[in-house]
Protein backbone atom coordinates (compact mmCIF):
# COMPACT_ATOMS: atom_id res chain seq x y z
CA MET A 1 -111.52 82.58 139.58
CA GLN A 2 -110.45 85.84 139.02
CA LYS A 3 -107.20 87.57 139.36
CA GLY A 4 -107.73 89.31 142.72
CA GLN A 5 -109.51 86.39 144.47
CA TYR A 6 -106.47 83.89 144.58
CA LEU A 7 -104.77 85.71 147.64
CA GLU A 8 -108.33 86.42 149.14
CA THR A 9 -109.05 82.84 149.14
CA ILE A 10 -106.14 82.00 151.32
CA LEU A 11 -106.55 84.95 153.67
CA ARG A 12 -110.09 83.90 154.33
CA SER A 13 -109.18 80.10 155.26
CA PRO A 14 -109.29 79.49 158.91
CA LYS A 15 -105.69 77.54 158.33
CA THR A 16 -102.74 79.55 159.11
CA VAL A 17 -100.39 77.01 157.30
CA PHE A 18 -101.05 75.55 153.63
CA THR A 19 -99.06 73.16 151.70
CA PHE A 20 -98.77 73.46 148.14
CA GLU A 21 -101.63 70.75 147.51
CA ASP A 22 -104.18 73.05 149.99
CA VAL A 23 -103.77 75.96 147.53
CA ALA A 24 -104.21 74.24 144.41
CA LEU A 25 -107.43 72.64 145.97
CA LEU A 26 -108.44 76.15 147.38
CA TRP A 27 -108.08 77.56 143.76
CA ARG A 28 -109.35 74.57 141.83
CA GLU A 29 -106.28 74.88 139.76
CA PRO A 30 -105.10 71.63 138.15
CA ASN A 31 -101.97 73.28 136.43
CA THR A 32 -99.02 73.16 139.17
CA GLN A 33 -97.19 75.62 137.31
CA ALA A 34 -99.57 78.47 137.50
CA VAL A 35 -99.85 77.62 141.27
CA ARG A 36 -96.39 77.57 141.64
CA VAL A 37 -95.88 80.91 139.83
CA ARG A 38 -98.73 82.55 141.78
CA LEU A 39 -96.85 81.44 145.24
CA SER A 40 -93.78 82.67 144.28
CA TYR A 41 -95.24 85.95 143.15
CA TYR A 42 -97.03 86.29 146.58
CA VAL A 43 -93.89 85.29 148.47
CA SER A 44 -92.07 87.91 146.78
CA ARG A 45 -94.45 90.67 147.34
CA GLY A 46 -94.27 89.62 151.05
CA LYS A 47 -98.17 88.83 150.84
CA LEU A 48 -97.44 85.08 152.27
CA CYS A 49 -94.53 83.48 154.06
CA ARG A 50 -92.83 80.29 152.74
CA ILE A 51 -92.20 78.30 155.92
CA ARG A 52 -90.06 75.51 154.14
CA ARG A 53 -90.42 73.77 150.78
CA GLY A 54 -94.10 73.24 149.80
CA MET A 55 -95.34 75.07 152.89
CA TYR A 56 -96.61 78.51 152.94
CA ALA A 57 -98.26 80.70 156.06
CA LYS A 58 -100.30 83.92 155.62
CA ASP A 59 -97.57 85.58 157.73
CA LYS A 60 -94.83 85.00 160.45
CA ASN A 61 -97.58 84.65 163.15
CA TYR A 62 -98.63 81.07 162.11
CA ASN A 63 -99.83 78.57 164.34
CA LYS A 64 -96.58 76.44 165.27
CA LEU A 65 -98.82 73.33 166.21
CA GLU A 66 -100.78 73.51 162.95
CA PHE A 67 -97.54 73.40 161.24
CA ALA A 68 -96.19 70.38 162.88
CA THR A 69 -99.39 68.55 162.30
CA ARG A 70 -99.26 69.36 158.68
CA LEU A 71 -95.47 68.77 157.99
CA TYR A 72 -95.52 65.00 158.10
CA PRO A 73 -99.37 63.74 158.20
CA PRO A 74 -100.92 61.75 159.70
CA SER A 75 -99.72 63.05 162.96
CA TYR A 76 -100.76 64.68 166.23
CA VAL A 77 -99.40 66.84 168.91
CA SER A 78 -98.33 64.38 171.97
CA PHE A 79 -95.65 63.55 174.60
CA GLU A 80 -94.22 66.48 176.39
CA THR A 81 -96.12 69.21 174.95
CA ILE A 82 -99.45 67.80 176.06
CA LEU A 83 -98.00 66.39 179.41
CA ALA A 84 -96.65 69.87 180.20
CA ARG A 85 -99.84 71.65 179.10
CA GLU A 86 -102.24 69.41 181.21
CA GLY A 87 -99.84 69.34 184.40
CA LEU A 88 -98.74 66.00 183.99
CA ILE A 89 -95.18 66.84 183.86
CA PHE A 90 -93.66 70.07 185.43
CA GLN A 91 -90.34 70.71 183.50
CA PHE A 92 -90.47 73.09 180.38
CA HIS A 93 -90.06 71.45 176.90
CA GLY A 94 -89.33 73.85 174.31
CA GLU A 95 -89.56 71.62 171.44
CA VAL A 96 -93.01 70.48 170.21
CA GLY A 97 -93.60 66.69 170.42
CA VAL A 98 -95.36 65.21 167.55
CA ALA A 99 -96.48 61.65 166.94
CA SER A 100 -95.77 60.50 163.62
CA TYR A 101 -95.02 57.68 161.16
CA LEU A 102 -91.33 58.70 160.90
CA THR A 103 -88.52 59.52 163.68
CA ARG A 104 -87.03 63.24 163.05
CA GLU A 105 -86.05 66.30 164.74
CA ILE A 106 -86.04 69.61 162.64
CA GLU A 107 -85.95 73.38 163.48
CA VAL A 108 -87.86 75.72 161.60
CA ASP A 109 -88.25 79.51 162.30
CA GLY A 110 -86.42 78.81 165.69
CA GLN A 111 -88.74 76.43 166.89
CA VAL A 112 -87.67 72.54 167.31
CA TYR A 113 -90.06 70.02 166.42
CA SER A 114 -89.40 66.44 167.46
CA PHE A 115 -91.24 63.75 165.46
CA ARG A 116 -91.45 60.21 167.25
CA LYS A 117 -92.53 57.21 165.12
CA ILE A 118 -95.57 55.40 166.40
CA LYS A 119 -96.77 52.18 164.74
CA THR A 120 -99.33 53.03 161.88
CA PRO A 121 -102.38 51.10 163.69
CA ILE A 122 -101.80 53.25 166.94
CA LEU A 123 -100.98 56.59 164.92
CA THR A 124 -104.32 55.97 162.89
CA ASN A 125 -106.55 55.31 165.56
CA PRO A 126 -108.60 58.53 166.57
CA LEU A 127 -109.35 57.27 170.27
CA GLY A 128 -108.16 60.03 172.16
CA VAL A 129 -106.97 62.39 169.52
CA GLU A 130 -109.02 65.73 169.36
CA ASN A 131 -109.01 68.23 166.34
CA LYS A 132 -109.21 71.87 167.16
CA ASP A 133 -107.93 74.91 165.05
CA GLU A 134 -107.01 72.91 162.22
CA THR A 135 -104.78 70.85 164.52
CA SER A 136 -104.95 67.41 165.96
CA PHE A 137 -103.96 67.09 169.61
CA ALA A 138 -103.66 63.96 172.06
CA THR A 139 -106.06 64.08 175.04
CA ARG A 140 -103.91 63.94 178.45
CA GLU A 141 -104.58 60.25 178.70
CA ARG A 142 -103.53 59.65 175.01
CA ALA A 143 -100.47 61.72 175.60
CA PHE A 144 -99.75 59.77 178.79
CA LEU A 145 -99.99 56.00 176.97
CA ASP A 146 -97.97 57.41 173.87
CA THR A 147 -95.26 58.35 176.13
CA PHE A 148 -95.30 55.20 178.43
CA TYR A 149 -95.46 53.34 174.98
CA LEU A 150 -92.26 54.71 173.63
CA HIS A 151 -90.40 54.81 177.38
CA GLY A 152 -91.75 52.77 180.00
CA ASP A 153 -89.63 54.32 182.60
CA TYR A 154 -90.95 58.03 182.11
CA HIS A 155 -91.20 59.93 185.22
CA PHE A 156 -94.41 61.77 185.45
CA ASP A 157 -94.84 64.44 188.00
CA ASN A 158 -98.59 64.37 188.68
CA LEU A 159 -101.14 61.53 187.62
CA ASN A 160 -103.73 62.65 189.60
CA GLY A 161 -105.49 64.68 186.61
CA LEU A 162 -105.87 61.33 184.74
CA ASP A 163 -109.28 60.08 183.96
CA TRP A 164 -108.02 56.14 184.38
CA ASN A 165 -111.32 54.90 182.93
CA LYS A 166 -110.16 56.54 179.52
CA VAL A 167 -106.56 55.54 180.04
CA PHE A 168 -107.70 51.79 180.13
CA LYS A 169 -110.02 52.18 177.41
CA MET A 170 -107.43 53.41 175.25
CA LEU A 171 -104.78 50.86 176.47
CA SER A 172 -105.96 48.32 173.87
CA ILE A 173 -104.81 50.19 170.80
CA TYR A 174 -101.42 49.85 171.82
CA GLN A 175 -101.68 46.03 171.81
CA ASN A 176 -98.56 45.59 174.05
CA GLN A 177 -99.30 43.17 177.04
CA SER A 178 -96.06 44.37 179.01
CA MET A 179 -97.15 47.93 178.58
CA GLU A 180 -100.74 46.97 179.80
CA ARG A 181 -99.13 45.28 182.98
CA ARG A 182 -96.76 48.27 183.78
CA VAL A 183 -99.88 50.77 183.58
CA ARG A 184 -102.05 48.48 185.63
CA ARG A 185 -99.10 48.37 188.27
CA LEU A 186 -98.66 52.30 187.99
CA TYR A 187 -102.50 52.92 188.56
CA LYS A 188 -102.29 50.44 191.47
CA GLN A 189 -99.37 52.28 193.18
CA ILE A 190 -101.17 55.72 192.56
CA THR A 191 -104.71 54.47 194.13
CA GLN A 192 -102.76 52.96 197.39
CA ALA A 193 -100.96 56.15 197.67
CA ASN A 194 -104.14 58.26 197.70
CA GLU A 195 -105.54 56.08 200.14
CA LYS A 196 -102.80 56.48 202.92
C-alpha cells in the first residue's frame, strides 16, 4: 500500500468505528508497531479520532450504536434501547442497552453504555438479531425476551406490536421453564384483555 492510501482505505470503509485490529487488517499490515505509529500520526493531525484505547473513528459523528457493539464483542443492541424505539415502552432511556458477555457501565463522549451479561448460548444465537450498518440489533421480540429474561417483573407499556409467533419460536433459546411459563401467562392475559 502506498503512503497516501492508508487514510483513504479507512475513509472509504462503510464502518464509522475501527478497532486497532480492523485497521491492521484493512492495511494488510502485520507490523503492529507501524500501525500504531500511523494511527497516532493521523490522530495527532486530526484526521482520525481516538474514541478510547484501541478504538478509532473517522470523526466525532461516529455511530454510537456501532461503537457499542464493537467494544465488547460478541454483543448486540437490545433492552430499553430497542423497546423504546419499537414503542413497547414509553419512558426515555438515555443509555444504550447492550447484550454482552459481561456486565459493565461506561461513559464515552457523554454517552452511557450499559452492558448486561447474558449466557453465551443465548448471546451467540442469531435468532432475532439483525445486522444493519455494521451494527447488530435485537428485533423487538428478542429485546422483549432479553429484558424478560433478566427482569421477570419488568413493566412493558405496549405489547400489541409483538409478533407472538416469533416470541414463542425464540423462547426455546433461553432454556428457562420458569420464564417460558411467565411469558405464556402474560400472552394469555393480553389475548384475554384484547377479546373484551
